[in-house]
């Protein structure tokens, strides 16, 4: 079947090109890539609706502090987390409601049966 085979079919209406700027699409892809690794996704899930410091996350995950810090740095760099310092502690939380909704939607969608 060639692309020309579709021209006479009812679904052959012209398709509008994407309207999102390439730079926005590239940023979105980086965000999805950052969140797309299971251990980083778990950190996002732990930070949903609460603020935790690196020590809390180390205790909850059992992963070493340098590993947690590296994951948090990537998630923050891509705009998925925000942080605040209080003395020696750095606390992290989800960046905003958009990230919370994205996390909720992807986890709910992943829990649905395929097909």
PDB file of N, CA and C in Angstrom:
ATOM      1  N   UNK A   1       0.844  -1.175   0.000  1.00  0.00           N
ATOM      2  CA  UNK A   1       0.000   0.000   0.000  1.00  0.00           C
ATOM      3  C   UNK A   1       0.891   1.240   0.000  1.00  0.00           C
ATOM      4  N   UNK A   2       0.631   2.146  -0.917  1.00  0.00           N
ATOM      5  CA  UNK A   2       1.402   3.384  -0.982  1.00  0.00           C
ATOM      6  C   UNK A   2       0.582   4.524  -0.380  1.00  0.00           C
ATOM      7  N   UNK A   3       1.231   5.641  -0.032  1.00  0.00           N
ATOM      8  CA  UNK A   3       0.487   6.791   0.516  1.00  0.00           C
ATOM      9  C   UNK A   3      -0.620   7.272  -0.415  1.00  0.00           C
ATOM     10  N   UNK A   4      -0.439   7.099  -1.717  1.00  0.00           N
ATOM     11  CA  UNK A   4      -1.465   7.533  -2.669  1.00  0.00           C
ATOM     12  C   UNK A   4      -2.729   6.677  -2.578  1.00  0.00           C
ATOM     13  N   UNK A   5      -2.627   5.461  -2.038  1.00  0.00           N
ATOM     14  CA  UNK A   5      -3.783   4.577  -1.916  1.00  0.00           C
ATOM     15  C   UNK A   5      -4.836   5.149  -0.970  1.00  0.00           C
ATOM     16  N   UNK A   6      -4.454   6.041  -0.097  1.00  0.00           N
ATOM     17  CA  UNK A   6      -5.393   6.620   0.881  1.00  0.00           C
ATOM     18  C   UNK A   6      -6.151   7.825   0.335  1.00  0.00           C
ATOM     19  N   UNK A   7      -5.724   8.366  -0.768  1.00  0.00           N
ATOM     20  CA  UNK A   7      -6.295   9.621  -1.255  1.00  0.00           C
ATOM     21  C   UNK A   7      -7.794   9.543  -1.523  1.00  0.00           C
ATOM     22  N   UNK A   8      -8.301   8.395  -1.940  1.00  0.00           N
ATOM     23  CA  UNK A   8      -9.725   8.267  -2.254  1.00  0.00           C
ATOM     24  C   UNK A   8     -10.565   7.779  -1.081  1.00  0.00           C
ATOM     25  N   UNK A   9      -9.953   7.555   0.065  1.00  0.00           N
ATOM     26  CA  UNK A   9     -10.678   7.064   1.233  1.00  0.00           C
ATOM     27  C   UNK A   9     -11.231   8.224   2.045  1.00  0.00           C
ATOM     28  N   UNK A  10     -12.320   7.990   2.822  1.00  0.00           N
ATOM     29  CA  UNK A  10     -12.942   9.078   3.582  1.00  0.00           C
ATOM     30  C   UNK A  10     -12.043   9.702   4.639  1.00  0.00           C
ATOM     31  N   UNK A  11     -11.048   8.994   5.109  1.00  0.00           N
ATOM     32  CA  UNK A  11     -10.182   9.546   6.154  1.00  0.00           C
ATOM     33  C   UNK A  11      -9.038  10.379   5.585  1.00  0.00           C
ATOM     34  N   UNK A  12      -9.059  10.645   4.295  1.00  0.00           N
ATOM     35  CA  UNK A  12      -7.939  11.316   3.648  1.00  0.00           C
ATOM     36  C   UNK A  12      -7.995  12.832   3.760  1.00  0.00           C
ATOM     37  N   UNK A  13      -8.726  13.356   4.743  1.00  0.00           N
ATOM     38  CA  UNK A  13      -8.778  14.808   4.934  1.00  0.00           C
ATOM     39  C   UNK A  13      -7.385  15.324   5.262  1.00  0.00           C
ATOM     40  N   UNK A  14      -7.093  16.531   4.829  1.00  0.00           N
ATOM     41  CA  UNK A  14      -5.768  17.093   5.137  1.00  0.00           C
ATOM     42  C   UNK A  14      -5.550  17.177   6.644  1.00  0.00           C
ATOM     43  N   UNK A  15      -4.359  16.879   7.044  1.00  0.00           N
ATOM     44  CA  UNK A  15      -3.995  16.929   8.453  1.00  0.00           C
ATOM     45  C   UNK A  15      -3.174  18.182   8.690  1.00  0.00           C
ATOM     46  N   UNK A  16      -3.568  18.956   9.699  1.00  0.00           N
ATOM     47  CA  UNK A  16      -2.830  20.165  10.023  1.00  0.00           C
ATOM     48  C   UNK A  16      -1.494  19.787  10.664  1.00  0.00           C
ATOM     49  N   UNK A  17      -0.469  20.555  10.373  1.00  0.00           N
ATOM     50  CA  UNK A  17       0.829  20.274  10.998  1.00  0.00           C
ATOM     51  C   UNK A  17       0.760  20.582  12.494  1.00  0.00           C
ATOM     52  N   UNK A  18       1.697  20.035  13.276  1.00  0.00           N
ATOM     53  CA  UNK A  18       1.717  20.331  14.705  1.00  0.00           C
ATOM     54  C   UNK A  18       1.812  21.841  14.940  1.00  0.00           C
ATOM     55  N   UNK A  19       1.155  22.301  15.993  1.00  0.00           N
ATOM     56  CA  UNK A  19       1.154  23.737  16.282  1.00  0.00           C
ATOM     57  C   UNK A  19       2.119  24.118  17.394  1.00  0.00           C
ATOM     58  N   UNK A  20       2.669  23.144  18.077  1.00  0.00           N
ATOM     59  CA  UNK A  20       3.610  23.422  19.166  1.00  0.00           C
ATOM     60  C   UNK A  20       4.982  23.719  18.565  1.00  0.00           C
ATOM     61  N   UNK A  21       5.628  24.734  19.090  1.00  0.00           N
ATOM     62  CA  UNK A  21       6.960  25.092  18.609  1.00  0.00           C
ATOM     63  C   UNK A  21       7.932  23.940  18.837  1.00  0.00           C
ATOM     64  N   UNK A  22       8.868  23.799  17.949  1.00  0.00           N
ATOM     65  CA  UNK A  22       9.856  22.728  18.039  1.00  0.00           C
ATOM     66  C   UNK A  22      10.589  22.791  19.372  1.00  0.00           C
ATOM     67  N   UNK A  23      10.933  23.969  19.831  1.00  0.00           N
ATOM     68  CA  UNK A  23      11.657  24.094  21.102  1.00  0.00           C
ATOM     69  C   UNK A  23      10.820  23.603  22.277  1.00  0.00           C
ATOM     70  N   UNK A  24       9.519  23.833  22.240  1.00  0.00           N
ATOM     71  CA  UNK A  24       8.629  23.350  23.296  1.00  0.00           C
ATOM     72  C   UNK A  24       8.546  21.831  23.238  1.00  0.00           C
ATOM     73  N   UNK A  25       8.427  21.293  22.049  1.00  0.00           N
ATOM     74  CA  UNK A  25       8.366  19.843  21.882  1.00  0.00           C
ATOM     75  C   UNK A  25       9.659  19.195  22.370  1.00  0.00           C
ATOM     76  N   UNK A  26      10.799  19.820  22.070  1.00  0.00           N
ATOM     77  CA  UNK A  26      12.084  19.280  22.523  1.00  0.00           C
ATOM     78  C   UNK A  26      12.179  19.308  24.047  1.00  0.00           C
ATOM     79  N   UNK A  27      11.707  20.399  24.663  1.00  0.00           N
ATOM     80  CA  UNK A  27      11.730  20.490  26.125  1.00  0.00           C
ATOM     81  C   UNK A  27      10.816  19.426  26.732  1.00  0.00           C
ATOM     82  N   UNK A  28       9.646  19.242  26.146  1.00  0.00           N
ATOM     83  CA  UNK A  28       8.716  18.224  26.636  1.00  0.00           C
ATOM     84  C   UNK A  28       9.346  16.839  26.543  1.00  0.00           C
ATOM     85  N   UNK A  29      10.056  16.570  25.472  1.00  0.00           N
ATOM     86  CA  UNK A  29      10.722  15.270  25.304  1.00  0.00           C
ATOM     87  C   UNK A  29      11.788  15.066  26.381  1.00  0.00           C
ATOM     88  N   UNK A  30      12.535  16.119  26.717  1.00  0.00           N
ATOM     89  CA  UNK A  30      13.537  16.010  27.787  1.00  0.00           C
ATOM     90  C   UNK A  30      12.870  15.739  29.134  1.00  0.00           C
ATOM     91  N   UNK A  31      11.733  16.395  29.380  1.00  0.00           N
ATOM     92  CA  UNK A  31      11.001  16.162  30.631  1.00  0.00           C
ATOM     93  C   UNK A  31      10.531  14.713  30.718  1.00  0.00           C
ATOM     94  N   UNK A  32       9.957  14.215  29.635  1.00  0.00           N
ATOM     95  CA  UNK A  32       9.473  12.831  29.624  1.00  0.00           C
ATOM     96  C   UNK A  32      10.628  11.843  29.773  1.00  0.00           C
ATOM     97  N   UNK A  33      11.750  12.156  29.167  1.00  0.00           N
ATOM     98  CA  UNK A  33      12.923  11.298  29.288  1.00  0.00           C
ATOM     99  C   UNK A  33      13.419  11.273  30.731  1.00  0.00           C
ATOM    100  N   UNK A  34      13.459  12.438  31.364  1.00  0.00           N
ATOM    101  CA  UNK A  34      13.905  12.507  32.762  1.00  0.00           C
ATOM    102  C   UNK A  34      12.985  11.708  33.672  1.00  0.00           C
ATOM    103  N   UNK A  35      11.696  11.791  33.436  1.00  0.00           N
ATOM    104  CA  UNK A  35      10.727  11.078  34.274  1.00  0.00           C
ATOM    105  C   UNK A  35      10.588   9.615  33.874  1.00  0.00           C
ATOM    106  N   UNK A  36      11.129   9.256  32.723  1.00  0.00           N
ATOM    107  CA  UNK A  36      10.870   7.949  32.140  1.00  0.00           C
ATOM    108  C   UNK A  36      11.730   6.802  32.633  1.00  0.00           C
ATOM    109  N   UNK A  37      12.452   7.002  33.691  1.00  0.00           N
ATOM    110  CA  UNK A  37      13.258   5.933  34.264  1.00  0.00           C
ATOM    111  C   UNK A  37      12.597   5.542  35.588  1.00  0.00           C
ATOM    112  N   UNK A  38      12.399   4.245  35.858  1.00  0.00           N
ATOM    113  CA  UNK A  38      11.606   3.831  37.019  1.00  0.00           C
ATOM    114  C   UNK A  38      12.030   4.422  38.362  1.00  0.00           C
ATOM    115  N   UNK A  39      13.328   4.533  38.624  1.00  0.00           N
ATOM    116  CA  UNK A  39      13.744   5.062  39.926  1.00  0.00           C
ATOM    117  C   UNK A  39      13.472   6.564  40.034  1.00  0.00           C
ATOM    118  N   UNK A  40      13.588   7.294  38.924  1.00  0.00           N
ATOM    119  CA  UNK A  40      13.256   8.724  38.961  1.00  0.00           C
ATOM    120  C   UNK A  40      11.751   8.911  39.047  1.00  0.00           C
ATOM    121  N   UNK A  41      10.993   8.055  38.375  1.00  0.00           N
ATOM    122  CA  UNK A  41       9.539   8.092  38.466  1.00  0.00           C
ATOM    123  C   UNK A  41       9.093   7.820  39.908  1.00  0.00           C
ATOM    124  N   UNK A  42       9.777   6.914  40.581  1.00  0.00           N
ATOM    125  CA  UNK A  42       9.464   6.621  41.984  1.00  0.00           C
ATOM    126  C   UNK A  42       9.706   7.845  42.862  1.00  0.00           C
ATOM    127  N   UNK A  43      10.772   8.595  42.592  1.00  0.00           N
ATOM    128  CA  UNK A  43      11.019   9.827  43.356  1.00  0.00           C
ATOM    129  C   UNK A  43       9.885  10.825  43.151  1.00  0.00           C
ATOM    130  N   UNK A  44       9.445  10.981  41.913  1.00  0.00           N
ATOM    131  CA  UNK A  44       8.325  11.885  41.650  1.00  0.00           C
ATOM    132  C   UNK A  44       7.091  11.440  42.429  1.00  0.00           C
ATOM    133  N   UNK A  45       6.860  10.144  42.440  1.00  0.00           N
ATOM    134  CA  UNK A  45       5.699   9.618  43.162  1.00  0.00           C
ATOM    135  C   UNK A  45       5.814   9.893  44.663  1.00  0.00           C
ATOM    136  N   UNK A  46       7.009   9.710  45.226  1.00  0.00           N
ATOM    137  CA  UNK A  46       7.226   9.987  46.651  1.00  0.00           C
ATOM    138  C   UNK A  46       7.018  11.464  46.984  1.00  0.00           C
ATOM    139  N   UNK A  47       7.322  12.336  46.024  1.00  0.00           N
ATOM    140  CA  UNK A  47       7.226  13.782  46.258  1.00  0.00           C
ATOM    141  C   UNK A  47       5.857  14.364  45.901  1.00  0.00           C
ATOM    142  N   UNK A  48       4.965  13.519  45.463  1.00  0.00           N
ATOM    143  CA  UNK A  48       3.616  13.976  45.096  1.00  0.00           C
ATOM    144  C   UNK A  48       2.861  14.398  46.358  1.00  0.00           C
ATOM    145  N   UNK A  49       2.584  15.669  46.460  1.00  0.00           N
ATOM    146  CA  UNK A  49       1.794  16.191  47.568  1.00  0.00           C
ATOM    147  C   UNK A  49       2.560  16.430  48.847  1.00  0.00           C
ATOM    148  N   UNK A  50       3.876  16.284  48.807  1.00  0.00           N
ATOM    149  CA  UNK A  50       4.653  16.554  50.012  1.00  0.00           C
ATOM    150  C   UNK A  50       6.070  16.983  49.656  1.00  0.00           C
ATOM    151  N   UNK A  51       6.720  17.501  50.660  1.00  0.00           N
ATOM    152  CA  UNK A  51       8.085  17.981  50.524  1.00  0.00           C
ATOM    153  C   UNK A  51       8.985  17.074  51.360  1.00  0.00           C
ATOM    154  N   UNK A  52      10.044  16.582  50.755  1.00  0.00           N
ATOM    155  CA  UNK A  52      10.977  15.707  51.458  1.00  0.00           C
ATOM    156  C   UNK A  52      12.404  16.159  51.196  1.00  0.00           C
ATOM    157  N   UNK A  53      13.275  15.924  52.180  1.00  0.00           N
ATOM    158  CA  UNK A  53      14.690  16.244  51.976  1.00  0.00           C
ATOM    159  C   UNK A  53      15.394  15.009  51.415  1.00  0.00           C
ATOM    160  N   UNK A  54      16.614  15.211  50.988  1.00  0.00           N
ATOM    161  CA  UNK A  54      17.387  14.129  50.385  1.00  0.00           C
ATOM    162  C   UNK A  54      17.518  12.965  51.363  1.00  0.00           C
ATOM    163  N   UNK A  55      17.746  13.262  52.637  1.00  0.00           N
ATOM    164  CA  UNK A  55      17.881  12.193  53.643  1.00  0.00           C
ATOM    165  C   UNK A  55      16.608  11.363  53.744  1.00  0.00           C
ATOM    166  N   UNK A  56      15.449  12.025  53.685  1.00  0.00           N
ATOM    167  CA  UNK A  56      14.179  11.301  53.695  1.00  0.00           C
ATOM    168  C   UNK A  56      14.102  10.338  52.515  1.00  0.00           C
ATOM    169  N   UNK A  57      14.479  10.828  51.347  1.00  0.00           N
ATOM    170  CA  UNK A  57      14.396  10.015  50.134  1.00  0.00           C
ATOM    171  C   UNK A  57      15.376   8.851  50.168  1.00  0.00           C
ATOM    172  N   UNK A  58      16.549   9.063  50.761  1.00  0.00           N
ATOM    173  CA  UNK A  58      17.517   7.980  50.925  1.00  0.00           C
ATOM    174  C   UNK A  58      16.915   6.904  51.825  1.00  0.00           C
ATOM    175  N   UNK A  59      16.297   7.319  52.924  1.00  0.00           N
ATOM    176  CA  UNK A  59      15.696   6.366  53.852  1.00  0.00           C
ATOM    177  C   UNK A  59      14.531   5.608  53.209  1.00  0.00           C
ATOM    178  N   UNK A  60      13.732   6.303  52.429  1.00  0.00           N
ATOM    179  CA  UNK A  60      12.558   5.680  51.810  1.00  0.00           C
ATOM    180  C   UNK A  60      12.920   4.718  50.681  1.00  0.00           C
ATOM    181  N   UNK A  61      13.961   5.043  49.929  1.00  0.00           N
ATOM    182  CA  UNK A  61      14.308   4.225  48.763  1.00  0.00           C
ATOM    183  C   UNK A  61      15.389   3.194  49.048  1.00  0.00           C
ATOM    184  N   UNK A  62      16.237   3.485  50.031  1.00  0.00           N
ATOM    185  CA  UNK A  62      17.376   2.608  50.301  1.00  0.00           C
ATOM    186  C   UNK A  62      18.536   2.836  49.346  1.00  0.00           C
ATOM    187  N   UNK A  63      18.420   3.811  48.478  1.00  0.00           N
ATOM    188  CA  UNK A  63      19.485   4.117  47.529  1.00  0.00           C
ATOM    189  C   UNK A  63      20.489   5.075  48.170  1.00  0.00           C
ATOM    190  N   UNK A  64      21.746   5.044  47.725  1.00  0.00           N
ATOM    191  CA  UNK A  64      22.756   5.927  48.308  1.00  0.00           C
ATOM    192  C   UNK A  64      22.484   7.405  47.996  1.00  0.00           C
ATOM    193  N   UNK A  65      22.946   8.268  48.891  1.00  0.00           N
ATOM    194  CA  UNK A  65      22.712   9.700  48.741  1.00  0.00           C
ATOM    195  C   UNK A  65      23.218  10.262  47.411  1.00  0.00           C
ATOM    196  N   UNK A  66      24.422   9.905  46.953  1.00  0.00           N
ATOM    197  CA  UNK A  66      24.864  10.453  45.658  1.00  0.00           C
ATOM    198  C   UNK A  66      23.936  10.080  44.504  1.00  0.00           C
ATOM    199  N   UNK A  67      23.398   8.880  44.540  1.00  0.00           N
ATOM    200  CA  UNK A  67      22.484   8.427  43.493  1.00  0.00           C
ATOM    201  C   UNK A  67      21.189   9.231  43.533  1.00  0.00           C
ATOM    202  N   UNK A  68      20.635   9.402  44.729  1.00  0.00           N
ATOM    203  CA  UNK A  68      19.408  10.191  44.885  1.00  0.00           C
ATOM    204  C   UNK A  68      19.655  11.630  44.440  1.00  0.00           C
ATOM    205  N   UNK A  69      20.762  12.196  44.866  1.00  0.00           N
ATOM    206  CA  UNK A  69      21.080  13.587  44.502  1.00  0.00           C
ATOM    207  C   UNK A  69      21.188  13.761  42.995  1.00  0.00           C
ATOM    208  N   UNK A  70      21.806  12.801  42.328  1.00  0.00           N
ATOM    209  CA  UNK A  70      21.942  12.869  40.867  1.00  0.00           C
ATOM    210  C   UNK A  70      20.571  12.812  40.197  1.00  0.00           C
ATOM    211  N   UNK A  71      19.716  11.922  40.662  1.00  0.00           N
ATOM    212  CA  UNK A  71      18.367  11.809  40.083  1.00  0.00           C
ATOM    213  C   UNK A  71      17.569  13.091  40.311  1.00  0.00           C
ATOM    214  N   UNK A  72      17.658  13.630  41.526  1.00  0.00           N
ATOM    215  CA  UNK A  72      16.937  14.868  41.840  1.00  0.00           C
ATOM    216  C   UNK A  72      17.433  16.024  40.984  1.00  0.00           C
ATOM    217  N   UNK A  73      18.742  16.093  40.794  1.00  0.00           N
ATOM    218  CA  UNK A  73      19.318  17.176  39.986  1.00  0.00           C
ATOM    219  C   UNK A  73      18.768  17.140  38.560  1.00  0.00           C
ATOM    220  N   UNK A  74      18.702  15.952  37.977  1.00  0.00           N
ATOM    221  CA  UNK A  74      18.164  15.834  36.613  1.00  0.00           C
ATOM    222  C   UNK A  74      16.690  16.241  36.573  1.00  0.00           C
ATOM    223  N   UNK A  75      15.901  15.743  37.515  1.00  0.00           N
ATOM    224  CA  UNK A  75      14.471  16.073  37.541  1.00  0.00           C
ATOM    225  C   UNK A  75      14.260  17.574  37.741  1.00  0.00           C
ATOM    226  N   UNK A  76      15.084  18.184  38.563  1.00  0.00           N
ATOM    227  CA  UNK A  76      14.963  19.629  38.783  1.00  0.00           C
ATOM    228  C   UNK A  76      15.418  20.407  37.547  1.00  0.00           C
ATOM    229  N   UNK A  77      16.514  19.982  36.945  1.00  0.00           N
ATOM    230  CA  UNK A  77      17.019  20.658  35.733  1.00  0.00           C
ATOM    231  C   UNK A  77      15.964  20.672  34.640  1.00  0.00           C
ATOM    232  N   UNK A  78      15.195  19.594  34.532  1.00  0.00           N
ATOM    233  CA  UNK A  78      14.174  19.500  33.490  1.00  0.00           C
ATOM    234  C   UNK A  78      12.846  20.131  33.911  1.00  0.00           C
ATOM    235  N   UNK A  79      12.803  20.754  35.084  1.00  0.00           N
ATOM    236  CA  UNK A  79      11.626  21.510  35.486  1.00  0.00           C
ATOM    237  C   UNK A  79      10.520  20.695  36.139  1.00  0.00           C
ATOM    238  N   UNK A  80      10.838  19.477  36.583  1.00  0.00           N
ATOM    239  CA  UNK A  80       9.820  18.627  37.196  1.00  0.00           C
ATOM    240  C   UNK A  80       9.762  18.779  38.712  1.00  0.00           C
ATOM    241  N   UNK A  81      10.828  19.300  39.303  1.00  0.00           N
ATOM    242  CA  UNK A  81      10.898  19.509  40.744  1.00  0.00           C
ATOM    243  C   UNK A  81      11.303  20.942  41.056  1.00  0.00           C
ATOM    244  N   UNK A  82      10.976  21.355  42.273  1.00  0.00           N
ATOM    245  CA  UNK A  82      11.531  22.589  42.811  1.00  0.00           C
ATOM    246  C   UNK A  82      12.119  22.266  44.166  1.00  0.00           C
ATOM    247  N   UNK A  83      13.014  23.113  44.628  1.00  0.00           N
ATOM    248  CA  UNK A  83      13.680  22.852  45.894  1.00  0.00           C
ATOM    249  C   UNK A  83      13.781  24.119  46.718  1.00  0.00           C
ATOM    250  N   UNK A  84      14.002  23.919  48.011  1.00  0.00           N
ATOM    251  CA  UNK A  84      14.292  25.033  48.904  1.00  0.00           C
ATOM    252  C   UNK A  84      15.278  24.536  49.941  1.00  0.00           C
ATOM    253  N   UNK A  85      16.132  25.437  50.380  1.00  0.00           N
ATOM    254  CA  UNK A  85      17.142  25.101  51.372  1.00  0.00           C
ATOM    255  C   UNK A  85      16.681  25.592  52.736  1.00  0.00           C
ATOM    256  N   UNK A  86      16.903  24.745  53.747  1.00  0.00           N
ATOM    257  CA  UNK A  86      16.646  25.114  55.138  1.00  0.00           C
ATOM    258  C   UNK A  86      17.844  24.617  55.938  1.00  0.00           C
ATOM    259  N   UNK A  87      18.784  25.508  56.206  1.00  0.00           N
ATOM    260  CA  UNK A  87      20.021  25.099  56.869  1.00  0.00           C
ATOM    261  C   UNK A  87      20.810  24.160  55.979  1.00  0.00           C
ATOM    262  N   UNK A  88      21.134  22.985  56.508  1.00  0.00           N
ATOM    263  CA  UNK A  88      21.902  22.005  55.744  1.00  0.00           C
ATOM    264  C   UNK A  88      21.027  21.133  54.854  1.00  0.00           C
ATOM    265  N   UNK A  89      19.716  21.232  55.026  1.00  0.00           N
ATOM    266  CA  UNK A  89      18.804  20.366  54.287  1.00  0.00           C
ATOM    267  C   UNK A  89      18.258  21.055  53.040  1.00  0.00           C
ATOM    268  N   UNK A  90      18.132  20.286  51.964  1.00  0.00           N
ATOM    269  CA  UNK A  90      17.468  20.739  50.748  1.00  0.00           C
ATOM    270  C   UNK A  90      16.205  19.907  50.611  1.00  0.00           C
ATOM    271  N   UNK A  91      15.072  20.587  50.530  1.00  0.00           N
ATOM    272  CA  UNK A  91      13.775  19.922  50.416  1.00  0.00           C
ATOM    273  C   UNK A  91      13.281  20.009  48.979  1.00  0.00           C
ATOM    274  N   UNK A  92      12.693  18.924  48.513  1.00  0.00           N
ATOM    275  CA  UNK A  92      12.191  18.846  47.143  1.00  0.00           C
ATOM    276  C   UNK A  92      10.695  18.576  47.152  1.00  0.00           C
ATOM    277  N   UNK A  93      10.036  19.057  46.122  1.00  0.00           N
ATOM    278  CA  UNK A  93       8.629  18.767  45.882  1.00  0.00           C
ATOM    279  C   UNK A  93       8.380  18.872  44.380  1.00  0.00           C
ATOM    280  N   UNK A  94       7.229  18.389  43.932  1.00  0.00           N
ATOM    281  CA  UNK A  94       6.894  18.519  42.509  1.00  0.00           C
ATOM    282  C   UNK A  94       6.821  19.990  42.145  1.00  0.00           C
ATOM    283  N   UNK A  95       7.182  20.316  40.928  1.00  0.00           N
ATOM    284  CA  UNK A  95       7.277  21.712  40.497  1.00  0.00           C
ATOM    285  C   UNK A  95       5.940  22.432  40.524  1.00  0.00           C
ATOM    286  N   UNK A  96       4.871  21.750  40.123  1.00  0.00           N
ATOM    287  CA  UNK A  96       3.568  22.407  40.075  1.00  0.00           C
ATOM    288  C   UNK A  96       2.467  21.394  39.786  1.00  0.00           C
ATOM    289  N   UNK A  97       1.260  21.909  39.642  1.00  0.00           N
ATOM    290  CA  UNK A  97       0.097  21.041  39.406  1.00  0.00           C
ATOM    291  C   UNK A  97       0.194  20.307  38.065  1.00  0.00           C
ATOM    292  N   UNK A  98       0.860  20.905  37.076  1.00  0.00           N
ATOM    293  CA  UNK A  98       1.012  20.222  35.786  1.00  0.00           C
ATOM    294  C   UNK A  98       1.787  18.916  35.946  1.00  0.00           C
ATOM    295  N   UNK A  99       2.854  18.966  36.722  1.00  0.00           N
ATOM    296  CA  UNK A  99       3.660  17.765  36.938  1.00  0.00           C
ATOM    297  C   UNK A  99       2.843  16.743  37.720  1.00  0.00           C
ATOM    298  N   UNK A 100       2.112  17.186  38.709  1.00  0.00           N
ATOM    299  CA  UNK A 100       1.260  16.281  39.502  1.00  0.00           C
ATOM    300  C   UNK A 100       0.231  15.598  38.594  1.00  0.00           C
ATOM    301  N   UNK A 101      -0.410  16.363  37.720  1.00  0.00           N
ATOM    302  CA  UNK A 101      -1.410  15.793  36.811  1.00  0.00           C
ATOM    303  C   UNK A 101      -0.774  14.822  35.827  1.00  0.00           C
ATOM    304  N   UNK A 102       0.389  15.175  35.302  1.00  0.00           N
ATOM    305  CA  UNK A 102       1.098  14.286  34.384  1.00  0.00           C
ATOM    306  C   UNK A 102       1.439  12.973  35.075  1.00  0.00           C
ATOM    307  N   UNK A 103       1.963  13.057  36.292  1.00  0.00           N
ATOM    308  CA  UNK A 103       2.317  11.872  37.059  1.00  0.00           C
ATOM    309  C   UNK A 103       1.085  11.010  37.325  1.00  0.00           C
ATOM    310  N   UNK A 104       0.017  11.631  37.789  1.00  0.00           N
ATOM    311  CA  UNK A 104      -1.223  10.899  38.074  1.00  0.00           C
ATOM    312  C   UNK A 104      -1.753  10.226  36.819  1.00  0.00           C
ATOM    313  N   UNK A 105      -1.801  10.967  35.723  1.00  0.00           N
ATOM    314  CA  UNK A 105      -2.347  10.414  34.482  1.00  0.00           C
ATOM    315  C   UNK A 105      -1.513   9.270  33.936  1.00  0.00           C
ATOM    316  N   UNK A 106      -0.206   9.415  33.944  1.00  0.00           N
ATOM    317  CA  UNK A 106       0.626   8.351  33.363  1.00  0.00           C
ATOM    318  C   UNK A 106       0.570   7.094  34.209  1.00  0.00           C
ATOM    319  N   UNK A 107       0.543   7.246  35.542  1.00  0.00           N
ATOM    320  CA  UNK A 107       0.465   6.062  36.407  1.00  0.00           C
ATOM    321  C   UNK A 107      -0.891   5.372  36.278  1.00  0.00           C
ATOM    322  N   UNK A 108      -1.966   6.160  36.206  1.00  0.00           N
ATOM    323  CA  UNK A 108      -3.293   5.567  36.018  1.00  0.00           C
ATOM    324  C   UNK A 108      -3.384   4.875  34.662  1.00  0.00           C
ATOM    325  N   UNK A 109      -2.846   5.523  33.643  1.00  0.00           N
ATOM    326  CA  UNK A 109      -2.896   4.932  32.301  1.00  0.00           C
ATOM    327  C   UNK A 109      -2.078   3.648  32.249  1.00  0.00           C
ATOM    328  N   UNK A 110      -0.925   3.646  32.898  1.00  0.00           N
ATOM    329  CA  UNK A 110      -0.076   2.457  32.899  1.00  0.00           C
ATOM    330  C   UNK A 110      -0.724   1.290  33.638  1.00  0.00           C
ATOM    331  N   UNK A 111      -1.613   1.593  34.568  1.00  0.00           N
ATOM    332  CA  UNK A 111      -2.288   0.535  35.336  1.00  0.00           C
ATOM    333  C   UNK A 111      -3.429  -0.107  34.562  1.00  0.00           C
ATOM    334  N   UNK A 112      -3.863   0.519  33.469  1.00  0.00           N
ATOM    335  CA  UNK A 112      -4.947  -0.032  32.665  1.00  0.00           C
ATOM    336  C   UNK A 112      -4.441  -1.217  31.839  1.00  0.00           C
ATOM    337  N   UNK A 113      -5.323  -2.166  31.575  1.00  0.00           N
ATOM    338  CA  UNK A 113      -4.913  -3.293  30.727  1.00  0.00           C
ATOM    339  C   UNK A 113      -4.610  -2.808  29.307  1.00  0.00           C
ATOM    340  N   UNK A 114      -3.658  -3.452  28.678  1.00  0.00           N
ATOM    341  CA  UNK A 114      -3.330  -3.120  27.286  1.00  0.00           C
ATOM    342  C   UNK A 114      -4.445  -3.600  26.368  1.00  0.00           C
ATOM    343  N   UNK A 115      -4.597  -2.850  25.283  1.00  0.00           N
ATOM    344  CA  UNK A 115      -5.570  -3.310  24.287  1.00  0.00           C
ATOM    345  C   UNK A 115      -6.748  -2.509  24.257  1.00  0.00           C
TER     346      UNK A 115
END
